Amino acid sequence: MATLDQIRHLIGDILELGDRTGTLTLDTPLLGNLPELDSMAVVAVITELEQRFDIIVDDDDIGAETFETLGSLLAFVLHKQEMTGGG
């Protein structure tokens, strides 16, 4: 199953946050808070989530609430893993 550390590092790597990656917590706002998280970065994050966690993300699955905080993104991935039996 996905962990906070895995999601934190995935976001940090894709957005090239460097030392700021370590400051990300469950409550860290993503959209609107991280200027690096633009529409192209969202696509890159989704693609990496699918590959790394063996999930399929449909267009209808994604809304602003998914990327509201690091915790909401983690919850989304965990939910998708439960639905597919992945882990």
N, C-alpha and C. Protein backbone atom coordinates (compact mmCIF):
# COMPACT_ATOMS: atom_id res chain seq x y z
N MET A 1 0.83 -1.19 0.00
CA MET A 1 0.00 0.00 0.00
C MET A 1 0.88 1.25 0.00
N ALA A 2 0.36 2.29 -0.58
CA ALA A 2 1.08 3.55 -0.65
C ALA A 2 1.26 4.13 0.75
N THR A 3 2.37 4.81 0.95
CA THR A 3 2.65 5.46 2.23
C THR A 3 2.84 6.96 2.02
N LEU A 4 2.75 7.69 3.11
CA LEU A 4 2.98 9.13 3.05
C LEU A 4 4.36 9.43 2.47
N ASP A 5 5.37 8.71 2.93
CA ASP A 5 6.73 8.95 2.42
C ASP A 5 6.82 8.73 0.91
N GLN A 6 6.18 7.68 0.42
CA GLN A 6 6.23 7.42 -1.01
C GLN A 6 5.57 8.55 -1.80
N ILE A 7 4.42 9.00 -1.36
CA ILE A 7 3.71 10.09 -2.05
C ILE A 7 4.50 11.38 -1.93
N ARG A 8 5.04 11.65 -0.76
CA ARG A 8 5.86 12.86 -0.54
C ARG A 8 7.03 12.89 -1.50
N HIS A 9 7.75 11.79 -1.60
CA HIS A 9 8.92 11.75 -2.47
C HIS A 9 8.55 11.78 -3.95
N LEU A 10 7.45 11.16 -4.31
CA LEU A 10 6.98 11.22 -5.68
C LEU A 10 6.71 12.67 -6.08
N ILE A 11 5.96 13.38 -5.24
CA ILE A 11 5.66 14.80 -5.51
C ILE A 11 6.96 15.61 -5.54
N GLY A 12 7.82 15.39 -4.57
CA GLY A 12 9.08 16.13 -4.52
C GLY A 12 9.95 15.90 -5.74
N ASP A 13 10.01 14.66 -6.21
CA ASP A 13 10.82 14.34 -7.38
C ASP A 13 10.25 14.96 -8.64
N ILE A 14 8.95 14.79 -8.85
CA ILE A 14 8.33 15.32 -10.08
C ILE A 14 8.39 16.83 -10.12
N LEU A 15 8.14 17.47 -8.98
CA LEU A 15 8.12 18.94 -8.94
C LEU A 15 9.50 19.53 -8.68
N GLU A 16 10.49 18.65 -8.47
CA GLU A 16 11.87 19.09 -8.20
C GLU A 16 11.91 20.06 -7.03
N LEU A 17 11.32 19.63 -5.90
CA LEU A 17 11.23 20.49 -4.72
C LEU A 17 12.49 20.50 -3.88
N GLY A 18 13.38 19.56 -4.11
CA GLY A 18 14.63 19.53 -3.35
C GLY A 18 14.37 19.40 -1.86
N ASP A 19 15.03 20.25 -1.06
CA ASP A 19 14.92 20.21 0.40
C ASP A 19 13.49 20.47 0.89
N ARG A 20 12.68 21.14 0.09
CA ARG A 20 11.30 21.42 0.50
C ARG A 20 10.47 20.15 0.61
N THR A 21 10.90 19.07 -0.05
CA THR A 21 10.15 17.81 -0.02
C THR A 21 9.94 17.35 1.42
N GLY A 22 10.96 17.48 2.25
CA GLY A 22 10.89 17.03 3.64
C GLY A 22 9.89 17.80 4.48
N THR A 23 9.45 18.95 4.02
CA THR A 23 8.51 19.76 4.80
C THR A 23 7.06 19.41 4.49
N LEU A 24 6.83 18.57 3.49
CA LEU A 24 5.47 18.21 3.11
C LEU A 24 4.86 17.27 4.15
N THR A 25 3.66 17.61 4.61
CA THR A 25 2.94 16.79 5.59
C THR A 25 1.57 16.44 5.02
N LEU A 26 0.82 15.62 5.75
CA LEU A 26 -0.52 15.26 5.30
C LEU A 26 -1.38 16.49 5.02
N ASP A 27 -1.19 17.55 5.81
CA ASP A 27 -2.02 18.76 5.71
C ASP A 27 -1.49 19.80 4.74
N THR A 28 -0.36 19.53 4.08
CA THR A 28 0.21 20.51 3.16
C THR A 28 -0.70 20.71 1.96
N PRO A 29 -1.18 21.94 1.74
CA PRO A 29 -1.99 22.20 0.54
C PRO A 29 -1.13 22.04 -0.71
N LEU A 30 -1.69 21.46 -1.74
CA LEU A 30 -0.95 21.26 -2.98
C LEU A 30 -1.38 22.27 -4.03
N LEU A 31 -2.57 22.10 -4.61
CA LEU A 31 -3.04 23.04 -5.64
C LEU A 31 -3.17 24.44 -5.05
N GLY A 32 -2.59 25.39 -5.71
CA GLY A 32 -2.65 26.77 -5.24
C GLY A 32 -1.56 27.12 -4.25
N ASN A 33 -0.89 26.12 -3.69
CA ASN A 33 0.18 26.35 -2.73
C ASN A 33 1.55 26.10 -3.34
N LEU A 34 1.65 25.12 -4.20
CA LEU A 34 2.91 24.79 -4.85
C LEU A 34 2.86 25.29 -6.29
N PRO A 35 3.55 26.38 -6.59
CA PRO A 35 3.49 26.92 -7.95
C PRO A 35 3.97 25.94 -9.00
N GLU A 36 4.81 24.98 -8.59
CA GLU A 36 5.31 23.98 -9.53
C GLU A 36 4.23 23.01 -9.98
N LEU A 37 3.14 22.91 -9.22
CA LEU A 37 2.07 21.96 -9.53
C LEU A 37 1.08 22.60 -10.50
N ASP A 38 1.50 22.66 -11.77
CA ASP A 38 0.62 23.17 -12.82
C ASP A 38 -0.06 22.00 -13.52
N SER A 39 -0.80 22.27 -14.56
CA SER A 39 -1.56 21.20 -15.22
C SER A 39 -0.66 20.11 -15.79
N MET A 40 0.49 20.48 -16.31
CA MET A 40 1.41 19.48 -16.85
C MET A 40 1.99 18.62 -15.72
N ALA A 41 2.26 19.23 -14.59
CA ALA A 41 2.78 18.48 -13.45
C ALA A 41 1.73 17.52 -12.90
N VAL A 42 0.46 17.94 -12.90
CA VAL A 42 -0.62 17.06 -12.45
C VAL A 42 -0.65 15.80 -13.32
N VAL A 43 -0.52 15.96 -14.62
CA VAL A 43 -0.51 14.83 -15.54
C VAL A 43 0.68 13.92 -15.22
N ALA A 44 1.84 14.51 -14.99
CA ALA A 44 3.03 13.73 -14.66
C ALA A 44 2.85 12.97 -13.35
N VAL A 45 2.24 13.61 -12.36
CA VAL A 45 1.99 12.96 -11.07
C VAL A 45 1.03 11.78 -11.26
N ILE A 46 -0.04 11.99 -12.00
CA ILE A 46 -1.02 10.92 -12.23
C ILE A 46 -0.36 9.74 -12.95
N THR A 47 0.42 10.03 -13.97
CA THR A 47 1.11 8.97 -14.71
C THR A 47 2.04 8.18 -13.80
N GLU A 48 2.79 8.87 -12.98
CA GLU A 48 3.71 8.19 -12.06
C GLU A 48 2.96 7.40 -11.00
N LEU A 49 1.86 7.94 -10.49
CA LEU A 49 1.04 7.20 -9.52
C LEU A 49 0.54 5.89 -10.13
N GLU A 50 0.07 5.97 -11.37
CA GLU A 50 -0.43 4.77 -12.04
C GLU A 50 0.67 3.72 -12.18
N GLN A 51 1.85 4.15 -12.58
CA GLN A 51 2.95 3.21 -12.79
C GLN A 51 3.48 2.66 -11.48
N ARG A 52 3.69 3.52 -10.53
CA ARG A 52 4.33 3.11 -9.28
C ARG A 52 3.41 2.27 -8.39
N PHE A 53 2.11 2.58 -8.40
CA PHE A 53 1.18 1.91 -7.48
C PHE A 53 0.21 0.96 -8.19
N ASP A 54 0.43 0.74 -9.48
CA ASP A 54 -0.37 -0.21 -10.25
C ASP A 54 -1.87 0.08 -10.13
N ILE A 55 -2.21 1.35 -10.38
CA ILE A 55 -3.61 1.76 -10.36
C ILE A 55 -3.96 2.36 -11.72
N ILE A 56 -5.24 2.49 -11.98
CA ILE A 56 -5.71 3.16 -13.18
C ILE A 56 -6.55 4.35 -12.74
N VAL A 57 -6.18 5.52 -13.24
CA VAL A 57 -6.88 6.75 -12.89
C VAL A 57 -7.66 7.21 -14.10
N ASP A 58 -8.98 7.18 -13.98
CA ASP A 58 -9.84 7.67 -15.05
C ASP A 58 -10.01 9.18 -14.92
N ASP A 59 -10.32 9.82 -16.04
CA ASP A 59 -10.52 11.28 -16.02
C ASP A 59 -11.56 11.69 -14.99
N ASP A 60 -12.62 10.88 -14.84
CA ASP A 60 -13.69 11.20 -13.90
C ASP A 60 -13.25 11.08 -12.44
N ASP A 61 -12.12 10.41 -12.20
CA ASP A 61 -11.62 10.22 -10.84
C ASP A 61 -10.96 11.48 -10.27
N ILE A 62 -10.53 12.35 -11.14
CA ILE A 62 -9.70 13.48 -10.72
C ILE A 62 -10.52 14.75 -10.60
N GLY A 63 -10.40 15.36 -9.44
CA GLY A 63 -11.00 16.66 -9.19
C GLY A 63 -10.05 17.47 -8.33
N ALA A 64 -10.37 18.70 -8.12
CA ALA A 64 -9.51 19.56 -7.31
C ALA A 64 -9.31 19.00 -5.91
N GLU A 65 -10.35 18.32 -5.38
CA GLU A 65 -10.24 17.78 -4.03
C GLU A 65 -9.17 16.69 -3.93
N THR A 66 -8.90 16.00 -5.03
CA THR A 66 -7.86 14.96 -5.03
C THR A 66 -6.51 15.58 -4.73
N PHE A 67 -6.25 16.75 -5.27
CA PHE A 67 -4.96 17.43 -5.11
C PHE A 67 -5.03 18.58 -4.10
N GLU A 68 -6.04 18.54 -3.23
CA GLU A 68 -6.18 19.59 -2.23
C GLU A 68 -5.01 19.60 -1.25
N THR A 69 -4.69 18.43 -0.70
CA THR A 69 -3.56 18.31 0.24
C THR A 69 -2.79 17.03 -0.10
N LEU A 70 -1.63 16.89 0.50
CA LEU A 70 -0.88 15.66 0.33
C LEU A 70 -1.68 14.48 0.90
N GLY A 71 -2.38 14.71 1.99
CA GLY A 71 -3.21 13.68 2.59
C GLY A 71 -4.35 13.25 1.70
N SER A 72 -4.98 14.19 1.00
CA SER A 72 -6.08 13.81 0.11
C SER A 72 -5.56 13.02 -1.08
N LEU A 73 -4.36 13.34 -1.53
CA LEU A 73 -3.77 12.57 -2.63
C LEU A 73 -3.43 11.16 -2.16
N LEU A 74 -2.87 11.03 -0.97
CA LEU A 74 -2.58 9.71 -0.41
C LEU A 74 -3.87 8.91 -0.25
N ALA A 75 -4.92 9.53 0.28
CA ALA A 75 -6.20 8.84 0.46
C ALA A 75 -6.75 8.35 -0.88
N PHE A 76 -6.61 9.18 -1.90
CA PHE A 76 -7.07 8.80 -3.24
C PHE A 76 -6.34 7.56 -3.73
N VAL A 77 -5.02 7.55 -3.60
CA VAL A 77 -4.22 6.40 -4.06
C VAL A 77 -4.60 5.15 -3.27
N LEU A 78 -4.73 5.28 -1.96
CA LEU A 78 -5.11 4.12 -1.14
C LEU A 78 -6.47 3.58 -1.55
N HIS A 79 -7.41 4.48 -1.83
CA HIS A 79 -8.74 4.07 -2.27
C HIS A 79 -8.66 3.32 -3.60
N LYS A 80 -7.88 3.84 -4.54
CA LYS A 80 -7.74 3.18 -5.84
C LYS A 80 -7.09 1.81 -5.67
N GLN A 81 -6.12 1.69 -4.77
CA GLN A 81 -5.48 0.40 -4.53
C GLN A 81 -6.46 -0.60 -3.94
N GLU A 82 -7.31 -0.13 -3.04
CA GLU A 82 -8.33 -1.01 -2.45
C GLU A 82 -9.30 -1.50 -3.51
N MET A 83 -9.68 -0.62 -4.42
CA MET A 83 -10.63 -0.96 -5.47
C MET A 83 -10.07 -2.01 -6.43
N THR A 84 -8.76 -1.92 -6.68
CA THR A 84 -8.15 -2.83 -7.65
C THR A 84 -7.46 -4.02 -6.99
N GLY A 85 -7.44 -4.00 -5.66
CA GLY A 85 -6.76 -5.09 -4.96
C GLY A 85 -5.25 -4.96 -5.06
N GLY A 86 -4.79 -3.77 -5.48
CA GLY A 86 -3.35 -3.53 -5.61
C GLY A 86 -2.71 -3.23 -4.28
N GLY A 87 -1.41 -3.10 -4.28
CA GLY A 87 -0.76 -2.79 -3.04
C GLY A 87 0.67 -2.81 -3.24
